N, C-alpha and C. Protein backbone atom coordinates (compact mmCIF):
# COMPACT_ATOMS: atom_id res chain seq x y z
N MET A 1 34.22 -3.79 49.57
CA MET A 1 33.79 -4.47 48.30
C MET A 1 32.72 -4.59 48.92
N LEU A 2 32.36 -5.09 50.08
CA LEU A 2 30.77 -4.95 50.84
C LEU A 2 30.27 -3.68 50.31
N TYR A 3 30.74 -2.61 50.53
CA TYR A 3 30.12 -1.15 51.01
C TYR A 3 29.45 -1.30 49.08
N PHE A 4 30.56 -1.37 48.01
CA PHE A 4 30.19 -1.24 46.75
C PHE A 4 28.44 -1.92 46.04
N LEU A 5 28.84 -3.19 46.67
CA LEU A 5 27.58 -4.76 46.62
C LEU A 5 25.95 -3.67 47.32
N LEU A 6 26.09 -3.08 48.31
CA LEU A 6 25.35 -2.31 48.84
C LEU A 6 25.02 -1.22 48.03
N ILE A 7 25.73 -0.55 47.51
CA ILE A 7 25.39 0.56 46.70
C ILE A 7 24.56 0.19 45.91
N SER A 8 25.24 -1.15 44.84
CA SER A 8 24.44 -1.42 43.59
C SER A 8 23.60 -1.66 43.82
N PHE A 9 22.54 -2.82 45.14
CA PHE A 9 21.80 -3.05 44.87
C PHE A 9 20.42 -1.87 45.50
N ALA A 10 21.14 -0.68 46.30
CA ALA A 10 20.39 0.63 46.59
C ALA A 10 20.15 1.05 45.22
N SER A 11 21.71 0.92 44.60
CA SER A 11 21.03 2.37 43.06
C SER A 11 20.00 1.40 42.22
N CYS A 12 19.91 0.31 42.00
CA CYS A 12 18.87 -0.24 41.17
C CYS A 12 17.45 -0.17 41.77
N GLN A 13 17.58 0.32 43.36
CA GLN A 13 16.38 0.46 43.41
C GLN A 13 15.71 1.37 43.24
N TYR A 14 16.57 2.79 43.21
CA TYR A 14 16.51 4.03 42.96
C TYR A 14 15.89 4.05 41.70
N PHE A 15 16.61 3.39 41.28
CA PHE A 15 16.10 3.21 39.37
C PHE A 15 14.70 2.56 38.67
N GLU A 16 14.25 2.01 39.74
CA GLU A 16 13.34 0.93 39.70
C GLU A 16 12.05 2.38 39.52
N LYS A 17 11.12 2.24 39.18
CA LYS A 17 10.09 3.58 39.02
C LYS A 17 9.07 2.74 38.28
N GLN A 18 7.98 3.36 39.37
CA GLN A 18 6.33 2.58 37.93
C GLN A 18 6.22 3.42 37.17
N VAL A 19 6.11 3.10 35.76
CA VAL A 19 5.82 3.57 34.82
C VAL A 19 4.21 3.48 34.36
N PRO A 20 3.54 4.55 33.97
CA PRO A 20 2.53 4.45 34.11
C PRO A 20 1.98 4.11 32.50
N SER A 21 0.91 3.23 32.99
CA SER A 21 -0.22 2.21 31.78
C SER A 21 0.07 3.28 30.35
N GLU A 22 -0.21 2.35 29.23
CA GLU A 22 -0.89 3.50 28.36
C GLU A 22 -2.16 3.97 28.58
N LYS A 23 -3.06 3.27 29.42
CA LYS A 23 -4.26 3.55 29.74
C LYS A 23 -4.57 4.76 30.50
N GLU A 24 -3.47 4.83 31.62
CA GLU A 24 -3.40 6.01 32.37
C GLU A 24 -2.80 7.11 32.05
N LEU A 25 -1.87 7.04 30.57
CA LEU A 25 -1.22 8.06 30.44
C LEU A 25 -2.74 8.59 29.46
N LEU A 26 -2.81 7.59 28.85
CA LEU A 26 -4.60 8.31 27.67
C LEU A 26 -5.51 9.37 27.87
N GLU A 27 -6.37 8.68 29.58
CA GLU A 27 -7.05 9.53 30.74
C GLU A 27 -6.45 10.42 30.65
N LYS A 28 -5.16 10.49 31.20
CA LYS A 28 -5.24 11.43 31.77
C LYS A 28 -4.77 12.72 31.02
N GLN A 29 -4.32 12.35 29.32
CA GLN A 29 -4.61 13.38 28.68
C GLN A 29 -5.43 13.67 27.99
N LEU A 30 -6.48 12.55 27.85
CA LEU A 30 -8.17 13.38 27.74
C LEU A 30 -8.79 14.07 28.72
N LYS A 31 -8.16 14.12 29.67
CA LYS A 31 -8.61 14.86 30.63
C LYS A 31 -8.58 16.29 30.99
N GLU A 32 -7.25 16.33 30.09
CA GLU A 32 -6.79 17.83 30.22
C GLU A 32 -7.11 18.52 29.00
N ILE A 33 -7.48 17.41 27.77
CA ILE A 33 -8.40 18.21 26.05
C ILE A 33 -9.18 18.88 26.61
N ASN A 34 -8.89 20.44 26.53
CA ASN A 34 -10.43 20.82 26.06
C ASN A 34 -11.18 20.83 24.61
N TRP A 35 -12.50 19.81 25.37
CA TRP A 35 -12.92 19.42 23.78
C TRP A 35 -14.20 21.07 23.54
N LYS A 36 -14.14 21.56 24.04
CA LYS A 36 -15.24 22.73 23.80
C LYS A 36 -14.10 23.93 22.68
N GLU A 37 -12.98 23.92 22.09
CA GLU A 37 -12.53 24.24 21.93
C GLU A 37 -11.32 23.72 20.61
N VAL A 38 -11.12 24.19 19.26
CA VAL A 38 -11.12 23.79 18.88
C VAL A 38 -9.25 24.71 18.60
N ASP A 39 -8.07 23.76 17.96
CA ASP A 39 -7.13 24.46 17.86
C ASP A 39 -6.95 25.05 16.37
N GLU A 40 -8.10 25.47 15.45
CA GLU A 40 -8.15 26.05 14.15
C GLU A 40 -9.64 25.73 13.76
N TYR A 41 -10.34 27.26 13.81
CA TYR A 41 -11.73 27.17 13.52
C TYR A 41 -11.49 26.96 11.56
N PRO A 42 -13.20 26.03 11.32
CA PRO A 42 -12.63 26.03 10.21
C PRO A 42 -12.77 27.46 9.74
N SER A 43 -12.40 26.94 8.05
CA SER A 43 -11.48 28.18 7.34
C SER A 43 -12.20 27.94 5.86
N VAL A 44 -11.61 29.07 5.26
CA VAL A 44 -12.22 29.08 3.77
C VAL A 44 -10.83 29.63 3.14
N VAL A 45 -10.35 29.71 1.45
CA VAL A 45 -9.20 29.98 1.19
C VAL A 45 -9.06 31.54 1.58
N ASP A 46 -9.77 32.48 1.34
CA ASP A 46 -10.02 33.56 1.37
C ASP A 46 -9.11 34.22 2.68
N CYS A 47 -9.54 33.46 4.20
CA CYS A 47 -8.68 33.17 4.88
C CYS A 47 -8.06 32.85 5.64
N GLU A 48 -7.37 32.16 4.76
CA GLU A 48 -6.14 31.32 5.32
C GLU A 48 -5.21 31.73 5.30
N LYS A 49 -4.72 33.14 4.28
CA LYS A 49 -3.81 34.22 4.31
C LYS A 49 -3.45 34.65 5.86
N LEU A 50 -4.29 34.71 6.51
CA LEU A 50 -4.62 35.69 8.14
C LEU A 50 -3.62 34.81 8.88
N THR A 51 -2.50 35.32 9.53
CA THR A 51 -2.12 34.29 10.41
C THR A 51 -2.65 34.83 12.20
N ASP A 52 -3.73 35.68 12.56
CA ASP A 52 -3.72 35.77 13.99
C ASP A 52 -5.25 34.89 13.63
N PRO A 53 -5.12 33.93 14.74
CA PRO A 53 -6.16 32.82 15.00
C PRO A 53 -7.75 34.15 15.14
N ALA A 54 -7.14 34.95 15.94
CA ALA A 54 -9.19 35.66 16.30
C ALA A 54 -9.56 36.37 14.74
N GLN A 55 -8.54 36.80 13.95
CA GLN A 55 -8.95 37.11 12.43
C GLN A 55 -9.66 36.48 11.86
N ARG A 56 -8.73 35.26 11.73
CA ARG A 56 -9.25 34.40 11.01
C ARG A 56 -10.25 33.69 11.10
N LYS A 57 -10.95 33.65 12.47
CA LYS A 57 -12.09 33.15 12.86
C LYS A 57 -13.11 34.11 12.29
N GLN A 58 -13.07 35.54 12.53
CA GLN A 58 -13.70 36.23 12.34
C GLN A 58 -14.10 36.45 10.60
N CYS A 59 -13.37 36.39 10.08
CA CYS A 59 -12.91 36.24 8.55
C CYS A 59 -13.57 35.57 7.93
N PHE A 60 -13.93 33.86 8.76
CA PHE A 60 -14.70 32.73 8.24
C PHE A 60 -15.85 32.67 8.11
N PHE A 61 -16.42 33.34 9.75
CA PHE A 61 -17.61 34.20 9.76
C PHE A 61 -18.75 34.75 9.28
N GLU A 62 -17.51 35.71 9.27
CA GLU A 62 -18.00 36.95 8.14
C GLU A 62 -18.07 36.26 6.75
N PHE A 63 -17.60 35.21 6.12
CA PHE A 63 -17.79 34.62 4.84
C PHE A 63 -18.89 33.62 5.04
N MET A 64 -19.54 33.11 5.74
CA MET A 64 -20.04 32.53 6.00
C MET A 64 -21.46 33.05 6.02
N ALA A 65 -21.98 34.21 6.46
CA ALA A 65 -22.62 34.97 6.77
C ALA A 65 -23.48 35.82 5.69
N THR A 66 -21.86 35.76 4.52
CA THR A 66 -22.52 36.37 3.28
C THR A 66 -22.85 35.69 2.48
N ALA A 67 -21.98 34.20 2.15
CA ALA A 67 -21.98 33.68 1.22
C ALA A 67 -24.15 32.95 1.56
N ILE A 68 -23.88 32.58 3.12
CA ILE A 68 -25.71 32.65 2.98
C ILE A 68 -26.38 33.85 2.69
N GLN A 69 -26.20 35.19 3.17
CA GLN A 69 -27.11 35.90 2.72
C GLN A 69 -27.24 35.74 1.10
N GLN A 70 -25.91 35.73 0.36
CA GLN A 70 -26.00 35.88 -0.99
C GLN A 70 -26.79 34.70 -1.97
N LYS A 71 -27.10 33.47 -1.11
CA LYS A 71 -27.37 32.33 -1.76
C LYS A 71 -28.97 32.44 -1.33
N LEU A 72 -29.51 33.86 0.26
CA LEU A 72 -30.85 33.71 0.24
C LEU A 72 -31.68 35.02 -0.88
N SER A 73 -30.52 35.41 -1.17
CA SER A 73 -31.10 37.49 -1.38
C SER A 73 -32.59 36.72 -2.25
N VAL A 74 -32.39 36.02 -2.76
CA VAL A 74 -33.97 36.42 -3.74
C VAL A 74 -34.49 35.24 -2.18
N ASP A 75 -35.48 36.60 -1.84
CA ASP A 75 -36.19 36.24 -0.53
C ASP A 75 -37.40 35.54 -0.76
N THR A 76 -37.71 34.41 -0.97
CA THR A 76 -38.99 33.74 -1.12
C THR A 76 -39.57 33.77 0.17
N LEU A 77 -38.43 33.57 1.40
CA LEU A 77 -38.92 33.38 2.73
C LEU A 77 -39.88 34.76 3.10
N LYS A 78 -38.71 35.85 2.76
CA LYS A 78 -39.86 36.93 3.31
C LYS A 78 -41.31 37.27 2.15
N ILE A 79 -41.60 36.62 1.24
CA ILE A 79 -42.52 36.44 0.97
C ILE A 79 -43.47 35.48 1.35
N LEU A 80 -43.29 34.79 0.93
CA LEU A 80 -43.75 33.30 2.08
C LEU A 80 -44.16 33.47 3.81
N PHE A 81 -43.22 34.05 4.36
CA PHE A 81 -43.62 34.57 5.73
C PHE A 81 -42.88 35.47 6.01
N PRO A 82 -43.44 36.48 5.94
CA PRO A 82 -43.46 37.53 6.39
C PRO A 82 -43.59 38.12 7.88
N LYS A 83 -44.22 37.20 8.92
CA LYS A 83 -43.83 37.41 10.13
C LYS A 83 -43.03 37.02 10.74
N LEU A 84 -42.20 35.87 9.57
CA LEU A 84 -40.88 35.63 10.64
C LEU A 84 -39.84 36.05 10.00
N ASP A 85 -39.53 36.67 11.51
CA ASP A 85 -38.04 38.06 11.20
C ASP A 85 -36.97 37.82 11.55
N THR A 86 -36.57 36.51 12.05
CA THR A 86 -35.50 35.81 12.05
C THR A 86 -35.25 34.35 11.81
N ILE A 87 -34.24 34.11 11.04
CA ILE A 87 -33.49 33.23 10.41
C ILE A 87 -32.52 32.57 11.04
N GLU A 88 -32.08 31.13 12.01
CA GLU A 88 -31.37 31.04 12.21
C GLU A 88 -31.21 29.63 12.19
N VAL A 89 -29.73 29.47 11.57
CA VAL A 89 -29.01 28.16 10.66
C VAL A 89 -28.07 27.81 11.23
N LYS A 90 -28.17 26.52 11.59
CA LYS A 90 -26.59 25.52 12.46
C LYS A 90 -26.59 25.24 11.52
N VAL A 91 -24.94 25.20 11.37
CA VAL A 91 -24.01 25.30 10.43
C VAL A 91 -23.43 23.83 10.42
N THR A 92 -23.23 22.65 10.46
CA THR A 92 -22.51 21.44 10.69
C THR A 92 -21.46 21.39 9.20
N VAL A 93 -19.57 21.07 10.33
CA VAL A 93 -19.02 21.22 9.07
C VAL A 93 -18.04 20.22 9.72
N ASN A 94 -18.32 19.39 8.24
CA ASN A 94 -18.17 17.45 8.89
C ASN A 94 -16.49 17.29 9.23
N PRO A 95 -16.04 16.20 9.44
CA PRO A 95 -14.16 16.13 9.46
C PRO A 95 -14.26 16.03 7.98
N ASP A 96 -14.74 15.54 6.38
CA ASP A 96 -14.51 15.10 5.54
C ASP A 96 -14.55 16.61 4.39
N ALA A 97 -15.15 17.77 5.38
CA ALA A 97 -15.38 19.20 4.77
C ALA A 97 -17.00 18.78 4.18
N THR A 98 -17.17 18.16 4.10
CA THR A 98 -18.97 18.52 3.74
C THR A 98 -19.36 19.59 4.68
N MET A 99 -20.63 19.82 4.45
CA MET A 99 -21.41 20.73 5.06
C MET A 99 -23.03 20.29 4.87
N GLU A 100 -23.59 20.61 6.35
CA GLU A 100 -25.28 20.79 6.03
C GLU A 100 -26.05 21.77 7.14
N PHE A 101 -26.77 22.23 6.35
CA PHE A 101 -27.29 23.51 7.20
C PHE A 101 -28.73 22.89 7.97
N GLN A 102 -29.18 23.11 8.79
CA GLN A 102 -30.63 22.78 9.43
C GLN A 102 -31.17 24.08 10.09
N PRO A 103 -32.54 24.67 9.73
CA PRO A 103 -33.06 26.18 10.25
C PRO A 103 -33.09 25.51 11.58
N GLN A 104 -33.17 26.51 12.87
CA GLN A 104 -33.85 26.58 13.68
C GLN A 104 -34.78 27.53 14.36
N PHE A 105 -35.33 26.70 14.63
CA PHE A 105 -37.12 27.87 14.60
C PHE A 105 -37.49 27.79 16.37
N PRO A 106 -37.80 28.82 16.02
CA PRO A 106 -38.33 29.59 17.88
C PRO A 106 -39.50 28.43 18.43
N LYS A 107 -39.82 28.63 19.89
CA LYS A 107 -40.36 28.48 19.78
C LYS A 107 -42.32 27.95 19.34
N ASP A 108 -42.29 28.92 18.45
CA ASP A 108 -43.58 28.96 18.34
C ASP A 108 -43.51 28.37 16.93
N SER A 109 -42.82 27.87 16.04
CA SER A 109 -42.32 27.54 15.30
C SER A 109 -43.97 26.67 15.01
N VAL A 110 -45.24 26.06 15.51
CA VAL A 110 -46.16 26.11 14.86
C VAL A 110 -46.72 27.14 14.01
N ALA A 111 -46.68 27.74 14.17
CA ALA A 111 -47.19 29.26 13.49
C ALA A 111 -46.59 29.48 11.83
N TYR A 112 -45.27 28.43 12.01
CA TYR A 112 -44.18 28.81 10.56
C TYR A 112 -44.86 27.29 9.58
N ASP A 113 -44.49 26.82 8.57
CA ASP A 113 -44.32 25.65 8.06
C ASP A 113 -42.66 25.35 8.06
N THR A 114 -42.45 24.40 8.48
CA THR A 114 -41.21 24.35 9.54
C THR A 114 -40.54 23.42 7.89
N ILE A 115 -41.62 22.54 7.56
CA ILE A 115 -41.38 21.54 6.45
C ILE A 115 -40.41 22.65 4.94
N LYS A 116 -41.67 23.33 4.63
CA LYS A 116 -41.19 24.66 3.82
C LYS A 116 -40.06 25.17 3.98
N ILE A 117 -39.66 25.35 5.19
CA ILE A 117 -38.91 26.53 5.40
C ILE A 117 -37.10 25.54 5.26
N ASP A 118 -37.78 24.14 5.95
CA ASP A 118 -35.85 24.11 5.96
C ASP A 118 -35.64 23.73 3.96
N SER A 119 -37.04 22.90 3.15
CA SER A 119 -36.50 23.16 2.25
C SER A 119 -36.48 23.71 0.67
N ILE A 120 -36.68 24.91 1.56
CA ILE A 120 -36.16 26.47 1.00
C ILE A 120 -34.62 26.80 1.07
N LEU A 121 -34.84 26.21 2.25
CA LEU A 121 -33.52 26.66 2.75
C LEU A 121 -31.96 25.89 1.83
N LYS A 122 -32.42 24.31 2.29
CA LYS A 122 -31.65 23.14 1.72
C LYS A 122 -31.39 23.36 -0.29
N ALA A 123 -32.15 23.57 -0.56
CA ALA A 123 -32.72 24.38 -2.31
C ALA A 123 -31.24 24.97 -2.59
N LYS A 124 -31.56 26.54 -1.53
CA LYS A 124 -30.95 27.56 -1.80
C LYS A 124 -29.37 27.17 -1.57
N LEU A 125 -29.11 26.68 -0.36
CA LEU A 125 -27.69 26.29 0.00
C LEU A 125 -26.61 25.47 -0.65
N ILE A 126 -27.26 25.25 -1.36
CA ILE A 126 -26.19 24.06 -2.38
C ILE A 126 -25.23 24.64 -2.70
N ASP A 127 -24.32 24.10 -3.73
CA ASP A 127 -23.34 24.19 -4.23
C ASP A 127 -22.40 25.54 -3.56
N PHE A 128 -22.19 25.12 -2.25
CA PHE A 128 -21.39 26.21 -1.07
C PHE A 128 -20.22 26.05 -0.96
N PRO A 129 -18.66 27.28 -1.46
CA PRO A 129 -18.20 27.01 -1.08
C PRO A 129 -17.08 26.39 -0.46
N LYS A 130 -15.70 25.48 -0.95
CA LYS A 130 -15.53 24.43 0.18
C LYS A 130 -14.82 25.16 1.24
N VAL A 131 -15.08 24.15 2.15
CA VAL A 131 -15.14 25.30 3.63
C VAL A 131 -13.90 23.54 4.52
N ASN A 132 -12.84 24.31 4.68
CA ASN A 132 -11.95 23.41 5.39
C ASN A 132 -12.08 23.26 6.68
N PRO A 133 -12.54 21.57 7.37
CA PRO A 133 -12.80 21.37 8.92
C PRO A 133 -11.89 22.33 10.10
N ALA A 134 -12.62 22.43 11.02
CA ALA A 134 -11.50 22.17 12.01
C ALA A 134 -11.08 21.29 12.47
N ILE A 135 -9.72 22.09 13.24
CA ILE A 135 -9.02 21.11 13.82
C ILE A 135 -8.74 20.84 15.02
N LYS A 136 -8.32 19.99 15.39
CA LYS A 136 -8.12 19.29 17.11
C LYS A 136 -7.10 18.79 17.04
N ARG A 137 -5.74 18.92 17.89
CA ARG A 137 -4.81 18.11 18.03
C ARG A 137 -4.18 17.35 16.55
N GLY A 138 -4.40 18.41 15.58
CA GLY A 138 -4.21 17.83 14.09
C GLY A 138 -4.77 17.14 13.29
N ILE A 139 -6.11 16.59 13.81
CA ILE A 139 -6.99 16.01 13.04
C ILE A 139 -8.60 16.81 12.74
N PRO A 140 -8.96 16.63 11.82
CA PRO A 140 -10.49 17.75 11.29
C PRO A 140 -11.54 16.96 12.23
N VAL A 141 -12.24 17.83 12.71
CA VAL A 141 -13.09 17.45 13.54
C VAL A 141 -14.46 18.22 13.15
N LYS A 142 -15.60 17.24 13.83
CA LYS A 142 -16.83 18.02 13.00
C LYS A 142 -17.15 19.27 14.07
N THR A 143 -17.89 20.40 13.72
CA THR A 143 -18.08 21.32 14.23
C THR A 143 -19.35 22.13 14.36
N GLN A 144 -19.93 23.22 14.99
CA GLN A 144 -21.00 23.36 14.69
C GLN A 144 -21.21 25.06 15.07
N PHE A 145 -21.84 25.69 14.50
CA PHE A 145 -22.84 26.68 15.20
C PHE A 145 -23.85 27.38 14.37
N VAL A 146 -24.32 28.67 14.59
CA VAL A 146 -25.66 28.79 14.96
C VAL A 146 -24.98 30.40 14.01
N LEU A 147 -25.64 30.84 12.64
CA LEU A 147 -25.87 31.90 12.47
C LEU A 147 -27.14 32.35 12.24
N SER A 148 -27.29 33.54 12.88
CA SER A 148 -28.59 34.16 12.77
C SER A 148 -28.93 34.82 11.79
N LYS A 149 -29.97 34.79 10.67
CA LYS A 149 -30.39 35.95 9.54
C LYS A 149 -31.90 36.80 10.35
N PRO A 150 -31.42 38.31 10.68
CA PRO A 150 -32.30 38.83 10.24
C PRO A 150 -32.94 38.90 8.94
N LYS A 151 -34.25 38.97 8.31
CA LYS A 151 -34.34 38.97 6.92
C LYS A 151 -34.02 39.91 6.64
N SER A 152 -33.78 41.25 6.90
CA SER A 152 -32.93 42.76 6.54
C SER A 152 -31.64 42.17 6.67
N ASP A 153 -31.16 41.49 7.60
CA ASP A 153 -29.69 41.56 7.39
C ASP A 153 -29.00 40.38 7.51
N PHE A 154 -28.11 39.71 7.14
CA PHE A 154 -28.02 38.71 7.79
C PHE A 154 -25.88 38.62 8.25
N LEU A 155 -25.58 40.00 8.19
CA LEU A 155 -23.78 39.18 8.90
C LEU A 155 -24.47 40.00 10.34
N GLU A 156 -25.20 39.27 11.07
CA GLU A 156 -25.13 39.37 12.24
C GLU A 156 -23.97 38.61 12.88
N ALA A 157 -23.83 38.82 13.98
CA ALA A 157 -22.64 37.60 14.26
C ALA A 157 -22.71 36.41 14.63
N PHE A 158 -21.86 35.27 14.45
CA PHE A 158 -22.38 33.97 14.67
C PHE A 158 -23.18 34.03 16.10
N SER A 159 -23.62 33.06 16.97
CA SER A 159 -24.46 33.11 18.06
C SER A 159 -23.78 32.07 19.25
N SER A 160 -23.09 30.97 17.85
CA SER A 160 -22.59 29.83 19.62
C SER A 160 -22.06 29.12 17.72
N PHE A 161 -21.11 27.85 18.86
CA PHE A 161 -20.31 27.50 18.53
C PHE A 161 -20.04 25.96 19.00
N ARG A 162 -19.89 25.19 18.35
CA ARG A 162 -19.90 23.95 18.80
C ARG A 162 -18.71 22.98 18.46
N LEU A 163 -17.80 22.56 19.31
CA LEU A 163 -17.43 21.17 18.96
C LEU A 163 -17.71 20.32 19.07
N TYR A 164 -17.89 19.05 18.19
CA TYR A 164 -18.41 18.16 18.27
C TYR A 164 -16.66 16.74 17.66
N SER A 165 -16.82 16.27 18.80
CA SER A 165 -15.63 14.76 18.57
C SER A 165 -16.07 13.44 18.44
N ARG A 166 -15.03 12.97 17.05
CA ARG A 166 -15.57 11.51 17.19
C ARG A 166 -14.18 10.87 17.35
């Protein structure tokens, strides 16, 4: 009987483990998450049928480049700013699927009327097709990427992609 009593006390201590706190678990999970990558890139209806993530991503960026090219097809910028050979546009896709477009100017942007270029781009890039936001762990997140538009052709691939979580 004494033997069973000793075993029962020892076995209780065996099962008594330290359970990590919620805060510790959360901190561990946050450290493991790669905040620079998304689980799903932003997308449009035409690309959603693709199952391969790389093809879907490429489809999205080609769609964006083509859509912006079409919206800027009346090349007011070429007429007003003949020396401006490339336009980079930072595209922000917000978690609520709204979009923002912001031109990125070169270091010598004093040579250009940046306010005028910005207003032309914003006027041309209205009524943009619906874009579904990127997804990170099942949650829509804000993402940004830069599209580069040589005045002759805008189908050059994106130059960078950034994920912003809130």
